């Protein structure tokens, strides 16, 4: 029997969507307002969902406190009130699109989980725009 346990989190961050190897004009054509050289920010909402078997001794799939602490360390402390392009090493050479951000977050959380647990991360960039990644 598999059960999914989810934890919601929040962080604020700025970014700019652009490629260093493209001209400003090409970046502007592809990324529009998101190519603003002065950056722009989002209030990101994150849902990390862990799926696995219920431990017969504890009754947990994962202790929610453990999941909360992983998210705080790996996501909130690392990304909150940061400029993703300038302050977060994972985006030094990776365009911080929502798609790339969700994969980076997934990899950071997944590395801290027991190998027998599955993970899905949903990242809301706005209330209407979101991405989901489960490592598949």
Protein backbone atom coordinates (compact mmCIF):
# COMPACT_ATOMS: atom_id res chain seq x y z
CA UNK A 1 0.00 0.00 0.00
CA UNK A 2 1.51 3.32 -1.11
CA UNK A 3 0.57 6.65 0.45
CA UNK A 4 1.61 10.16 -0.55
CA UNK A 5 2.58 12.74 2.07
CA UNK A 6 2.83 16.37 0.94
CA UNK A 7 4.34 19.51 2.42
CA UNK A 8 3.74 23.05 1.14
CA UNK A 9 6.44 25.72 1.34
CA UNK A 10 7.03 29.24 0.09
CA UNK A 11 9.95 31.36 -1.04
CA UNK A 12 10.45 34.70 -2.76
CA UNK A 13 13.15 35.05 -5.39
CA UNK A 14 14.20 37.20 -8.31
CA UNK A 15 15.50 36.01 -11.65
CA UNK A 16 16.11 36.94 -15.23
CA UNK A 17 15.47 34.60 -18.13
CA UNK A 18 18.20 34.90 -20.70
CA UNK A 19 21.06 33.07 -22.35
CA UNK A 20 24.52 34.57 -22.08
CA UNK A 21 25.40 33.33 -25.56
CA UNK A 22 22.46 35.12 -27.22
CA UNK A 23 22.15 38.79 -28.16
CA UNK A 24 19.88 41.04 -26.11
CA UNK A 25 17.51 41.15 -29.10
CA UNK A 26 17.21 37.37 -29.33
CA UNK A 27 16.74 37.06 -25.56
CA UNK A 28 14.09 39.77 -25.68
CA UNK A 29 12.33 38.02 -28.57
CA UNK A 30 12.25 34.66 -26.73
CA UNK A 31 11.82 35.72 -23.09
CA UNK A 32 10.08 39.12 -23.38
CA UNK A 33 9.53 40.92 -20.08
CA UNK A 34 11.30 38.08 -18.26
CA UNK A 35 14.55 39.23 -19.92
CA UNK A 36 14.58 42.46 -17.89
CA UNK A 37 18.28 43.17 -17.11
CA UNK A 38 17.17 44.44 -13.67
CA UNK A 39 15.51 41.09 -12.91
CA UNK A 40 11.97 40.47 -11.64
CA UNK A 41 10.55 38.49 -8.73
CA UNK A 42 8.04 35.82 -7.89
CA UNK A 43 6.35 34.52 -4.76
CA UNK A 44 6.95 30.83 -5.39
CA UNK A 45 4.77 28.14 -3.83
CA UNK A 46 6.17 24.65 -3.58
CA UNK A 47 4.52 21.31 -2.88
CA UNK A 48 6.83 18.38 -2.21
CA UNK A 49 5.00 15.04 -2.28
CA UNK A 50 6.69 11.90 -1.00
CA UNK A 51 5.19 8.50 -1.83
CA UNK A 52 6.04 5.22 -0.20
CA UNK A 53 4.90 2.39 1.99
CA UNK A 54 3.66 3.03 5.50
CA UNK A 55 6.20 1.97 8.10
CA UNK A 56 4.35 -0.57 10.31
CA UNK A 57 6.23 0.61 13.43
CA UNK A 58 5.74 4.38 13.11
CA UNK A 59 2.70 4.60 10.85
CA UNK A 60 4.61 7.14 8.73
CA UNK A 61 5.66 7.16 5.10
CA UNK A 62 7.99 9.98 6.17
CA UNK A 63 7.97 12.07 9.31
CA UNK A 64 6.58 15.42 8.11
CA UNK A 65 9.05 17.19 10.41
CA UNK A 66 11.91 15.51 8.51
CA UNK A 67 10.40 16.62 5.18
CA UNK A 68 9.88 20.14 6.57
CA UNK A 69 13.54 20.34 7.65
CA UNK A 70 14.81 19.09 4.27
CA UNK A 71 12.72 21.70 2.42
CA UNK A 72 13.87 24.46 4.77
CA UNK A 73 17.55 23.63 4.35
CA UNK A 74 17.61 22.70 0.66
CA UNK A 75 15.05 25.17 -0.73
CA UNK A 76 13.94 27.95 1.59
CA UNK A 77 17.37 28.76 3.05
CA UNK A 78 19.02 28.39 -0.37
CA UNK A 79 16.50 30.34 -2.51
CA UNK A 80 14.41 32.68 -0.32
CA UNK A 81 15.06 36.38 -0.95
CA UNK A 82 17.82 35.53 -3.41
CA UNK A 83 18.55 36.48 -6.96
CA UNK A 84 18.59 33.03 -8.54
CA UNK A 85 20.94 34.12 -11.34
CA UNK A 86 23.50 35.71 -9.01
CA UNK A 87 23.14 34.04 -5.60
CA UNK A 88 22.33 30.39 -6.30
CA UNK A 89 25.24 28.31 -7.66
CA UNK A 90 22.98 25.84 -9.49
CA UNK A 91 21.87 28.65 -11.83
CA UNK A 92 25.29 30.08 -12.64
CA UNK A 93 25.10 28.40 -16.05
CA UNK A 94 21.47 27.27 -16.06
CA UNK A 95 18.59 29.53 -17.10
CA UNK A 96 16.30 29.76 -14.03
CA UNK A 97 13.05 28.95 -15.82
CA UNK A 98 10.32 27.37 -13.71
CA UNK A 99 11.13 24.08 -15.45
CA UNK A 100 14.80 24.23 -14.46
CA UNK A 101 14.02 25.46 -10.94
CA UNK A 102 11.67 22.52 -10.25
CA UNK A 103 14.28 20.01 -11.46
CA UNK A 104 16.98 21.59 -9.26
CA UNK A 105 14.64 21.51 -6.25
CA UNK A 106 13.68 17.91 -6.96
CA UNK A 107 17.33 16.84 -7.11
CA UNK A 108 18.19 18.66 -3.87
CA UNK A 109 15.28 17.08 -1.95
CA UNK A 110 15.57 13.63 -3.54
CA UNK A 111 19.23 13.37 -2.48
CA UNK A 112 18.12 13.67 1.17
CA UNK A 113 15.33 11.05 1.04
CA UNK A 114 15.52 7.31 1.59
CA UNK A 115 16.00 5.62 -1.79
CA UNK A 116 12.73 3.66 -1.45
CA UNK A 117 10.66 6.88 -1.44
CA UNK A 118 9.32 8.51 -4.60
CA UNK A 119 9.16 12.28 -4.93
CA UNK A 120 7.08 14.71 -6.96
CA UNK A 121 7.64 18.46 -6.77
CA UNK A 122 5.11 21.03 -7.92
CA UNK A 123 6.29 24.62 -8.20
CA UNK A 124 3.90 27.54 -8.65
CA UNK A 125 5.57 30.58 -10.19
CA UNK A 126 2.22 32.39 -10.14
CA UNK A 127 -1.19 31.17 -8.95
CA UNK A 128 -1.97 30.19 -12.56
CA UNK A 129 1.45 29.04 -13.83
CA UNK A 130 3.05 25.96 -12.36
CA UNK A 131 5.31 23.05 -13.24
CA UNK A 132 5.54 19.53 -11.87
CA UNK A 133 8.48 17.09 -11.87
CA UNK A 134 8.77 13.52 -10.59
CA UNK A 135 12.09 12.42 -12.01
CA UNK A 136 10.54 10.53 -14.91
